[in-house]
């Protein structure tokens, strides 16, 4: 059984940084996609960044240049480095795993219904 556990959320001021971690336990295949999503209060869940087993990354336009997704395969841990945070980044952040190494176009890559496993979320709050 695959389990994902996020950590690293917190409260920061605008312009600050946080690094989220997602620890993966259980067996995963050699081909996968890992992603970070977020959900602000009253909004739907939206994609933020993804990385596949080959290291290919994808970002939404809102975070490109400010956020960086990475992975440590030895530790089975994935990270989201978030810099220059803005109040509109405030949300619950979730990591997710999708079986298979195909990286779709952004329209499909960031659709939550295509992802197989989810963590419980970690809250990020950015104050102005």
Protein backbone atom coordinates (compact mmCIF):
# COMPACT_ATOMS: atom_id res chain seq x y z
CA UNK A 1 0.00 0.00 0.00
CA UNK A 2 1.46 3.32 -1.07
CA UNK A 3 1.35 6.10 1.49
CA UNK A 4 2.38 9.72 1.12
CA UNK A 5 3.12 12.00 4.05
CA UNK A 6 3.72 15.72 3.61
CA UNK A 7 5.58 17.99 5.98
CA UNK A 8 7.14 21.44 6.01
CA UNK A 9 4.13 23.71 5.84
CA UNK A 10 3.83 26.78 8.02
CA UNK A 11 3.25 30.52 8.13
CA UNK A 12 5.58 33.00 6.44
CA UNK A 13 5.49 36.59 5.33
CA UNK A 14 5.25 37.63 1.73
CA UNK A 15 8.58 37.12 -0.01
CA UNK A 16 9.58 34.30 2.30
CA UNK A 17 10.43 30.69 1.52
CA UNK A 18 9.32 27.23 2.58
CA UNK A 19 10.32 23.73 1.56
CA UNK A 20 7.69 21.03 1.56
CA UNK A 21 8.62 17.36 1.76
CA UNK A 22 6.66 14.28 0.73
CA UNK A 23 7.82 10.92 2.06
CA UNK A 24 6.68 7.90 0.09
CA UNK A 25 6.30 4.46 1.65
CA UNK A 26 5.20 1.26 0.04
CA UNK A 27 6.16 -0.09 -3.33
CA UNK A 28 6.11 2.15 -6.37
CA UNK A 29 7.05 1.13 -9.84
CA UNK A 30 10.06 2.44 -11.68
CA UNK A 31 7.81 4.59 -13.84
CA UNK A 32 5.79 7.25 -12.08
CA UNK A 33 4.85 10.88 -11.84
CA UNK A 34 4.96 12.81 -8.58
CA UNK A 35 3.10 16.04 -8.16
CA UNK A 36 2.25 18.86 -5.83
CA UNK A 37 -1.25 20.28 -5.78
CA UNK A 38 -2.91 22.93 -3.67
CA UNK A 39 -6.38 23.86 -2.59
CA UNK A 40 -7.26 27.27 -1.25
CA UNK A 41 -10.34 27.66 0.88
CA UNK A 42 -13.43 27.70 -1.31
CA UNK A 43 -11.54 26.65 -4.43
CA UNK A 44 -10.94 23.39 -6.23
CA UNK A 45 -7.69 21.48 -6.10
CA UNK A 46 -5.17 22.72 -8.66
CA UNK A 47 -1.85 21.44 -9.86
CA UNK A 48 1.37 23.25 -9.02
CA UNK A 49 4.32 21.15 -10.20
CA UNK A 50 5.12 17.62 -11.30
CA UNK A 51 8.21 15.50 -11.88
CA UNK A 52 8.47 12.10 -13.52
CA UNK A 53 10.90 9.24 -12.99
CA UNK A 54 13.14 10.69 -15.71
CA UNK A 55 13.37 14.00 -13.90
CA UNK A 56 11.23 15.96 -16.32
CA UNK A 57 9.40 18.74 -14.56
CA UNK A 58 6.33 20.79 -15.29
CA UNK A 59 5.02 23.90 -13.54
CA UNK A 60 1.92 25.98 -13.73
CA UNK A 61 2.43 29.56 -14.85
CA UNK A 62 1.53 30.91 -11.39
CA UNK A 63 4.59 29.36 -9.78
CA UNK A 64 7.11 29.01 -12.58
CA UNK A 65 10.35 30.68 -11.61
CA UNK A 66 9.43 30.72 -7.91
CA UNK A 67 8.86 27.05 -7.06
CA UNK A 68 11.10 24.06 -7.74
CA UNK A 69 10.17 20.40 -7.51
CA UNK A 70 12.88 17.81 -6.85
CA UNK A 71 13.29 14.23 -5.72
CA UNK A 72 15.69 12.14 -3.70
CA UNK A 73 15.18 8.62 -4.98
CA UNK A 74 17.37 7.07 -2.29
CA UNK A 75 15.18 8.58 0.41
CA UNK A 76 11.95 8.13 -1.56
CA UNK A 77 11.20 11.74 -0.79
CA UNK A 78 10.00 14.56 -2.99
CA UNK A 79 10.35 18.24 -2.33
CA UNK A 80 8.77 21.52 -3.30
CA UNK A 81 11.00 24.52 -2.71
CA UNK A 82 8.85 27.63 -2.64
CA UNK A 83 10.53 31.03 -2.86
CA UNK A 84 9.15 34.55 -3.13
CA UNK A 85 5.88 33.39 -1.62
CA UNK A 86 2.81 35.53 -2.11
CA UNK A 87 -0.46 35.73 -0.15
CA UNK A 88 -2.23 34.06 -3.08
CA UNK A 89 -0.05 30.97 -2.50
CA UNK A 90 -1.93 30.37 0.76
CA UNK A 91 -3.53 26.92 0.54
CA UNK A 92 -3.42 23.34 1.71
CA UNK A 93 -0.66 21.63 -0.28
CA UNK A 94 -0.92 17.98 -1.24
CA UNK A 95 1.57 15.61 -2.82
CA UNK A 96 0.30 12.97 -5.19
CA UNK A 97 1.59 9.96 -7.08
CA UNK A 98 0.45 8.69 -10.45
CA UNK A 99 1.42 5.29 -11.79
CA UNK A 100 3.21 5.44 -15.14
CA UNK A 101 5.94 7.68 -16.48
CA UNK A 102 3.97 9.46 -19.21
CA UNK A 103 4.06 13.22 -18.90
CA UNK A 104 0.90 14.60 -20.44
CA UNK A 105 0.25 18.10 -21.69
CA UNK A 106 -0.53 20.56 -18.92
CA UNK A 107 -4.27 20.33 -19.51
CA UNK A 108 -4.21 16.71 -18.39
CA UNK A 109 -1.07 16.58 -16.26
CA UNK A 110 -2.56 18.82 -13.60
CA UNK A 111 -6.01 17.26 -13.42
CA UNK A 112 -6.42 15.75 -9.94
CA UNK A 113 -8.68 12.92 -11.13
CA UNK A 114 -5.77 11.35 -13.04
CA UNK A 115 -3.66 10.85 -9.89
CA UNK A 116 -3.77 7.61 -7.91
CA UNK A 117 -2.45 8.34 -4.41
CA UNK A 118 -2.65 11.40 -2.17
CA UNK A 119 -1.14 12.65 1.06
CA UNK A 120 -3.13 14.27 3.83
CA UNK A 121 -1.92 17.79 3.07
CA UNK A 122 0.12 20.46 4.79
CA UNK A 123 -1.03 24.05 5.28
CA UNK A 124 0.89 26.99 3.86
CA UNK A 125 -0.13 30.48 4.94
CA UNK A 126 1.49 33.60 3.51
CA UNK A 127 0.76 36.96 5.11
CA UNK A 128 1.24 40.32 3.44
